[in-house]
Amino acid sequence: MSLARPYEIVAPLTVCEELRAPPRRDRRQLEEFLFRLTRPPSLPRDFESPAEDERSHQAKIVGNWLISYWPDHAAREIRLTGCERIE
């Protein structure tokens, strides 16, 4: 029995920069969430919202951060679309 290949995280540079900005403790939480999201990407989301590209974007609150993404199952990728600090 072979294990399914994990999904890859794909993000624009602006989202990558946001992911590097949090304090170390928050970064660990975010990294753990992203790692779990790739194996397989079926974590429960907090909500879903339509975007301009007509895809349904998923969002998850991780600590003080809101992560938005959509899974591209055909390419086995998780497309990050946003990362922002929330209060």
Protein backbone atom coordinates (compact mmCIF):
# COMPACT_ATOMS: atom_id res chain seq x y z
CA MET A 1 0.00 0.00 0.00
CA SER A 2 1.48 3.35 -0.99
CA LEU A 3 0.72 6.57 0.86
CA ALA A 4 -0.73 9.46 -1.08
CA ARG A 5 1.79 12.10 -2.05
CA PRO A 6 1.38 15.23 0.11
CA TYR A 7 0.09 18.42 -1.42
CA GLU A 8 2.46 21.34 -1.99
CA ILE A 9 1.88 24.81 -0.58
CA VAL A 10 1.90 27.53 -3.25
CA ALA A 11 1.77 31.19 -2.26
CA PRO A 12 2.46 34.59 -3.80
CA LEU A 13 5.40 36.52 -2.39
CA THR A 14 3.12 38.90 -0.47
CA VAL A 15 1.60 35.99 1.47
CA CYS A 16 5.05 34.49 2.10
CA GLU A 17 6.18 37.80 3.59
CA GLU A 18 3.14 37.87 5.89
CA LEU A 19 3.93 34.33 7.05
CA ARG A 20 7.43 35.43 8.08
CA ALA A 21 6.19 38.47 10.04
CA PRO A 22 4.59 36.84 13.12
CA PRO A 23 6.44 36.25 16.38
CA ARG A 24 8.12 32.84 16.72
CA ARG A 25 5.28 31.25 18.75
CA ASP A 26 2.65 32.31 16.19
CA ARG A 27 4.89 31.19 13.32
CA ARG A 28 5.11 27.71 14.83
CA GLN A 29 1.30 27.48 14.97
CA LEU A 30 1.03 28.62 11.36
CA GLU A 31 3.71 26.22 10.16
CA GLU A 32 2.04 23.32 11.97
CA PHE A 33 -1.32 24.16 10.41
CA LEU A 34 0.17 24.39 6.92
CA PHE A 35 1.99 21.10 7.37
CA ARG A 36 -1.23 19.35 8.45
CA LEU A 37 -3.08 20.98 5.58
CA THR A 38 -0.85 19.20 3.07
CA ARG A 39 -1.54 15.68 4.42
CA PRO A 40 -4.32 15.56 3.02
CA PRO A 41 -5.95 18.99 2.75
CA SER A 42 -9.15 18.09 4.52
CA LEU A 43 -8.92 20.00 7.77
CA PRO A 44 -12.17 21.57 8.82
CA ARG A 45 -12.31 25.19 7.81
CA ASP A 46 -13.92 27.93 9.84
CA PHE A 47 -15.75 29.35 6.84
CA GLU A 48 -15.84 29.51 3.07
CA SER A 49 -16.27 32.54 0.84
CA PRO A 50 -16.50 33.14 -2.89
CA ALA A 51 -13.71 35.17 -4.49
CA GLU A 52 -13.35 37.20 -7.65
CA ASP A 53 -11.94 34.14 -9.44
CA GLU A 54 -15.28 32.36 -8.79
CA ARG A 55 -13.58 29.72 -6.64
CA SER A 56 -14.70 28.97 -3.17
CA HIS A 57 -11.88 30.07 -0.89
CA GLN A 58 -11.57 28.41 2.50
CA ALA A 59 -10.43 30.18 5.63
CA LYS A 60 -9.10 29.03 8.96
CA ILE A 61 -8.32 30.98 12.10
CA VAL A 62 -4.99 29.87 13.51
CA GLY A 63 -4.24 31.66 16.77
CA ASN A 64 -4.42 35.38 15.91
CA TRP A 65 -4.15 34.80 12.18
CA LEU A 66 -6.65 34.24 9.38
CA ILE A 67 -5.33 32.00 6.60
CA SER A 68 -7.25 31.79 3.33
CA TYR A 69 -6.61 29.20 0.64
CA TRP A 70 -8.12 26.91 -1.94
CA PRO A 71 -7.10 23.34 -2.70
CA ASP A 72 -6.17 22.54 -6.30
CA HIS A 73 -6.77 18.79 -6.22
CA ALA A 74 -5.73 18.22 -9.83
CA ALA A 75 -2.26 19.70 -9.19
CA ARG A 76 -2.10 18.44 -5.56
CA GLU A 77 -1.47 21.98 -4.34
CA ILE A 78 -2.83 24.24 -1.65
CA ARG A 79 -3.01 27.77 -3.03
CA LEU A 80 -2.63 30.30 -0.22
CA THR A 81 -4.46 33.51 -0.96
CA GLY A 82 -4.10 35.45 2.26
CA CYS A 83 -2.59 35.66 5.70
CA GLU A 84 -3.61 38.45 8.02
CA ARG A 85 -3.45 39.19 11.71
CA ILE A 86 -6.80 39.44 13.45
CA GLU A 87 -7.66 40.79 16.89
